[in-house]
N, C-alpha and C. Protein backbone atom coordinates (compact mmCIF):
# COMPACT_ATOMS: atom_id res chain seq x y z
N UNK A 1 35.37 15.19 -26.25
CA UNK A 1 34.49 14.57 -26.81
C UNK A 1 35.43 14.14 -28.76
N UNK A 2 35.53 12.73 -29.03
CA UNK A 2 36.27 12.93 -30.92
C UNK A 2 34.58 12.76 -31.31
N UNK A 3 34.47 12.13 -32.52
CA UNK A 3 33.80 12.03 -33.56
C UNK A 3 33.36 10.33 -32.95
N UNK A 4 34.84 9.60 -32.78
CA UNK A 4 34.81 7.58 -32.83
C UNK A 4 34.05 7.81 -32.06
N UNK A 5 34.39 8.33 -30.73
CA UNK A 5 32.84 8.22 -29.42
C UNK A 5 31.89 8.94 -29.53
N UNK A 6 31.58 8.87 -29.72
CA UNK A 6 29.92 10.05 -30.16
C UNK A 6 29.23 9.37 -31.22
N UNK A 7 30.10 8.40 -32.02
CA UNK A 7 29.22 7.75 -33.36
C UNK A 7 29.17 6.76 -31.66
N UNK A 8 30.45 5.66 -31.10
CA UNK A 8 30.01 4.77 -30.08
C UNK A 8 28.32 5.18 -29.54
N UNK A 9 28.84 5.85 -29.37
CA UNK A 9 27.58 6.20 -28.37
C UNK A 9 26.12 6.94 -28.76
N UNK A 10 25.92 6.83 -30.08
CA UNK A 10 24.89 6.34 -31.13
C UNK A 10 24.62 5.41 -31.52
N UNK A 11 25.50 4.48 -31.65
CA UNK A 11 25.36 2.62 -31.89
C UNK A 11 25.14 2.19 -30.57
N UNK A 12 24.72 2.75 -29.13
CA UNK A 12 24.52 1.96 -28.04
C UNK A 12 23.25 2.42 -27.82
N UNK A 13 22.63 3.86 -27.83
CA UNK A 13 21.90 4.81 -27.69
C UNK A 13 20.75 4.10 -28.17
N UNK A 14 20.97 4.31 -29.78
CA UNK A 14 19.77 3.15 -31.15
C UNK A 14 19.57 1.94 -30.65
N UNK A 15 20.95 0.93 -29.93
CA UNK A 15 20.29 -0.46 -29.48
C UNK A 15 19.78 -0.47 -28.05
N UNK A 16 19.79 0.43 -27.27
CA UNK A 16 19.08 0.34 -25.62
C UNK A 16 17.77 0.95 -26.38
N UNK A 17 17.46 2.11 -27.22
CA UNK A 17 16.25 2.84 -27.59
C UNK A 17 14.61 1.29 -28.50
N UNK A 18 16.09 0.77 -28.94
CA UNK A 18 15.17 -0.55 -30.26
C UNK A 18 14.32 -1.78 -28.24
N UNK A 19 15.24 -1.89 -27.74
CA UNK A 19 15.56 -2.79 -26.78
C UNK A 19 13.90 -2.02 -26.12
N UNK A 20 14.08 -0.93 -25.71
CA UNK A 20 12.67 -0.59 -24.80
C UNK A 20 11.41 -0.83 -25.24
N UNK A 21 11.89 0.20 -26.79
CA UNK A 21 10.60 -0.06 -27.87
C UNK A 21 10.07 -1.24 -28.05
N UNK A 22 10.39 -2.34 -28.43
CA UNK A 22 10.08 -3.56 -28.40
C UNK A 22 9.20 -4.46 -27.08
N UNK A 23 8.33 -4.89 -27.64
CA UNK A 23 7.17 -5.98 -26.79
C UNK A 23 8.21 -7.17 -25.58
N UNK A 24 8.31 -7.21 -24.92
CA UNK A 24 8.98 -8.10 -23.91
C UNK A 24 7.77 -9.04 -23.11
N UNK A 25 8.55 -10.20 -23.28
CA UNK A 25 7.75 -11.35 -22.37
C UNK A 25 8.01 -11.05 -21.17
N UNK A 26 7.15 -10.96 -20.40
CA UNK A 26 6.68 -10.96 -18.74
C UNK A 26 6.76 -12.42 -18.48
N UNK A 27 7.24 -12.86 -16.91
CA UNK A 27 7.10 -13.69 -16.22
C UNK A 27 6.75 -13.11 -14.39
N UNK A 28 5.74 -13.39 -14.03
CA UNK A 28 5.70 -13.64 -12.67
C UNK A 28 5.91 -14.90 -12.28
N UNK A 29 5.84 -15.23 -10.73
CA UNK A 29 5.33 -16.34 -10.60
C UNK A 29 6.79 -16.09 -9.03
N UNK A 30 6.21 -17.32 -7.59
CA UNK A 30 6.94 -17.67 -6.35
C UNK A 30 7.56 -18.30 -6.68
N UNK A 31 9.11 -17.84 -5.66
CA UNK A 31 10.30 -18.94 -5.82
C UNK A 31 10.85 -19.15 -4.27
N UNK A 32 10.74 -20.15 -3.50
CA UNK A 32 11.25 -20.59 -2.87
C UNK A 32 12.95 -19.99 -1.85
N UNK A 33 13.28 -19.27 -1.60
CA UNK A 33 14.74 -19.20 -0.96
C UNK A 33 15.27 -19.16 0.49
N UNK A 34 16.75 -19.69 0.63
CA UNK A 34 17.08 -19.93 1.52
C UNK A 34 17.88 -18.35 2.29
N UNK A 35 18.26 -18.70 3.09
CA UNK A 35 18.74 -17.48 3.61
C UNK A 35 20.16 -17.46 3.52
N UNK A 36 21.00 -18.32 3.00
CA UNK A 36 22.39 -18.01 2.33
C UNK A 36 21.95 -18.02 0.77
N UNK A 37 20.73 -17.76 -0.23
CA UNK A 37 20.46 -18.12 -1.31
C UNK A 37 20.11 -16.32 -1.70
N UNK A 38 19.12 -15.43 -0.58
CA UNK A 38 19.17 -14.94 -0.32
C UNK A 38 20.33 -13.81 -0.49
N UNK A 39 20.72 -13.78 0.46
CA UNK A 39 22.26 -13.36 1.34
C UNK A 39 23.19 -13.20 0.09
N UNK A 40 23.39 -14.43 -1.24
CA UNK A 40 23.88 -13.96 -2.32
C UNK A 40 23.44 -13.59 -3.59
N UNK A 41 22.29 -13.91 -3.67
CA UNK A 41 21.61 -12.91 -4.34
C UNK A 41 22.43 -11.54 -5.10
N UNK A 42 22.01 -12.40 -6.61
CA UNK A 42 22.33 -10.43 -7.33
C UNK A 42 21.26 -9.60 -7.94
N UNK A 43 21.21 -9.15 -8.44
CA UNK A 43 19.61 -8.15 -8.67
C UNK A 43 19.78 -8.18 -10.46
N UNK A 44 21.56 -7.90 -10.20
CA UNK A 44 22.34 -7.59 -11.79
C UNK A 44 22.27 -9.00 -12.24
N UNK A 45 21.69 -9.90 -12.27
CA UNK A 45 22.41 -11.15 -12.95
C UNK A 45 20.95 -11.65 -13.78
N UNK A 46 21.69 -12.26 -14.81
CA UNK A 46 20.34 -12.64 -14.91
C UNK A 46 20.39 -14.26 -15.09
N UNK A 47 19.37 -14.50 -15.77
CA UNK A 47 18.27 -15.59 -15.31
C UNK A 47 17.95 -16.86 -16.83
N UNK A 48 18.66 -18.16 -16.90
CA UNK A 48 17.66 -18.25 -18.22
C UNK A 48 16.78 -19.94 -17.31
N UNK A 49 15.36 -19.35 -18.26
CA UNK A 49 14.87 -20.10 -18.08
C UNK A 49 13.81 -20.24 -18.90
N UNK A 50 13.11 -21.43 -19.18
CA UNK A 50 12.28 -21.36 -20.28
C UNK A 50 12.91 -21.33 -21.80
N UNK A 51 14.29 -22.00 -22.09
CA UNK A 51 15.47 -21.20 -22.54
C UNK A 51 15.39 -19.67 -23.24
N UNK A 52 14.95 -19.28 -22.39
CA UNK A 52 15.35 -17.23 -22.80
C UNK A 52 16.05 -16.97 -21.81
N UNK A 53 16.56 -15.69 -21.34
CA UNK A 53 17.57 -14.94 -20.50
C UNK A 53 16.59 -13.70 -19.75
N UNK A 54 16.06 -13.80 -18.48
CA UNK A 54 15.49 -13.03 -17.99
C UNK A 54 16.21 -12.09 -17.11
N UNK A 55 15.86 -10.50 -17.06
CA UNK A 55 16.45 -10.11 -16.10
C UNK A 55 15.25 -10.04 -14.99
N UNK A 56 15.60 -9.75 -13.04
CA UNK A 56 14.51 -9.44 -12.32
C UNK A 56 13.76 -8.02 -12.41
N UNK A 57 12.32 -7.84 -12.59
CA UNK A 57 12.00 -6.18 -13.17
C UNK A 57 11.69 -6.22 -11.06
N UNK A 58 10.81 -7.19 -10.37
CA UNK A 58 10.47 -6.45 -9.25
C UNK A 58 10.64 -8.16 -8.37
N UNK A 59 11.55 -7.66 -7.09
CA UNK A 59 11.26 -9.58 -6.18
C UNK A 59 10.80 -8.35 -5.14
N UNK A 60 9.38 -9.76 -4.07
CA UNK A 60 9.23 -9.17 -2.85
C UNK A 60 9.02 -10.46 -2.35
N UNK A 61 9.44 -10.11 -1.10
CA UNK A 61 10.60 -11.21 0.16
C UNK A 61 10.12 -10.83 1.47
N UNK A 62 9.21 -12.48 1.62
CA UNK A 62 8.11 -11.40 3.27
C UNK A 62 9.07 -12.57 3.87
N UNK A 63 9.98 -11.33 5.53
CA UNK A 63 10.98 -12.25 5.89
C UNK A 63 9.57 -12.44 7.85
N UNK A 64 9.48 -13.30 7.99
CA UNK A 64 8.95 -13.77 9.22
C UNK A 64 10.44 -13.80 9.96
N UNK A 65 9.63 -14.02 11.55
CA UNK A 65 10.13 -14.35 12.35
C UNK A 65 11.29 -15.67 12.70
N UNK A 66 10.48 -16.11 12.20
CA UNK A 66 10.74 -17.99 11.90
C UNK A 66 11.11 -18.54 10.71
N UNK A 67 10.65 -17.95 9.51
CA UNK A 67 10.26 -18.12 7.69
C UNK A 67 10.69 -17.49 6.93
N UNK A 68 10.90 -17.67 5.85
CA UNK A 68 10.76 -16.51 4.83
C UNK A 68 9.90 -17.53 3.32
N UNK A 69 8.76 -16.35 3.64
CA UNK A 69 7.53 -16.94 2.31
C UNK A 69 8.43 -16.48 1.15
N UNK A 70 7.15 -17.47 0.60
CA UNK A 70 8.06 -17.74 -1.00
C UNK A 70 7.41 -16.02 -1.47
N UNK A 71 8.78 -15.44 -2.46
CA UNK A 71 9.39 -14.37 -2.78
C UNK A 71 8.30 -14.45 -4.08
N UNK A 72 7.47 -13.25 -4.59
CA UNK A 72 7.09 -12.84 -5.76
C UNK A 72 7.31 -12.33 -6.12
N UNK A 73 7.77 -12.72 -7.53
CA UNK A 73 8.73 -12.22 -8.94
C UNK A 73 8.95 -11.97 -9.79
N UNK A 74 8.93 -11.07 -11.20
CA UNK A 74 8.99 -10.86 -11.99
C UNK A 74 10.35 -10.46 -12.79
N UNK A 75 9.82 -11.37 -13.65
CA UNK A 75 10.95 -11.51 -14.52
C UNK A 75 10.97 -10.59 -16.33
N UNK A 76 11.87 -9.99 -16.92
CA UNK A 76 11.34 -9.97 -17.92
C UNK A 76 12.83 -10.47 -19.01
N UNK A 77 12.48 -10.61 -19.96
CA UNK A 77 13.41 -10.97 -21.24
C UNK A 77 14.12 -9.92 -22.22
N UNK A 78 15.51 -10.31 -21.43
CA UNK A 78 16.36 -9.08 -22.12
C UNK A 78 17.51 -10.12 -23.37
N UNK A 79 17.72 -9.32 -24.07
CA UNK A 79 18.66 -10.16 -25.05
C UNK A 79 19.40 -11.40 -24.46
């Protein structure tokens, strides 16, 4: 690796370390999803609510024979 690549990695590592160490807002709640919404759902997407951007930390969905229970979701704030 050349020195430019190493300095770029150092910058990324520093920003990531600062983000990990920073206090973050965590929001929990329940949401209703349709079958199509669950099929098209992408956990890597970021979601905006309360004027802030969030990523999904955890999501529990109970699928019953004839219905989908509300999902329990935990969101963590991202930059």
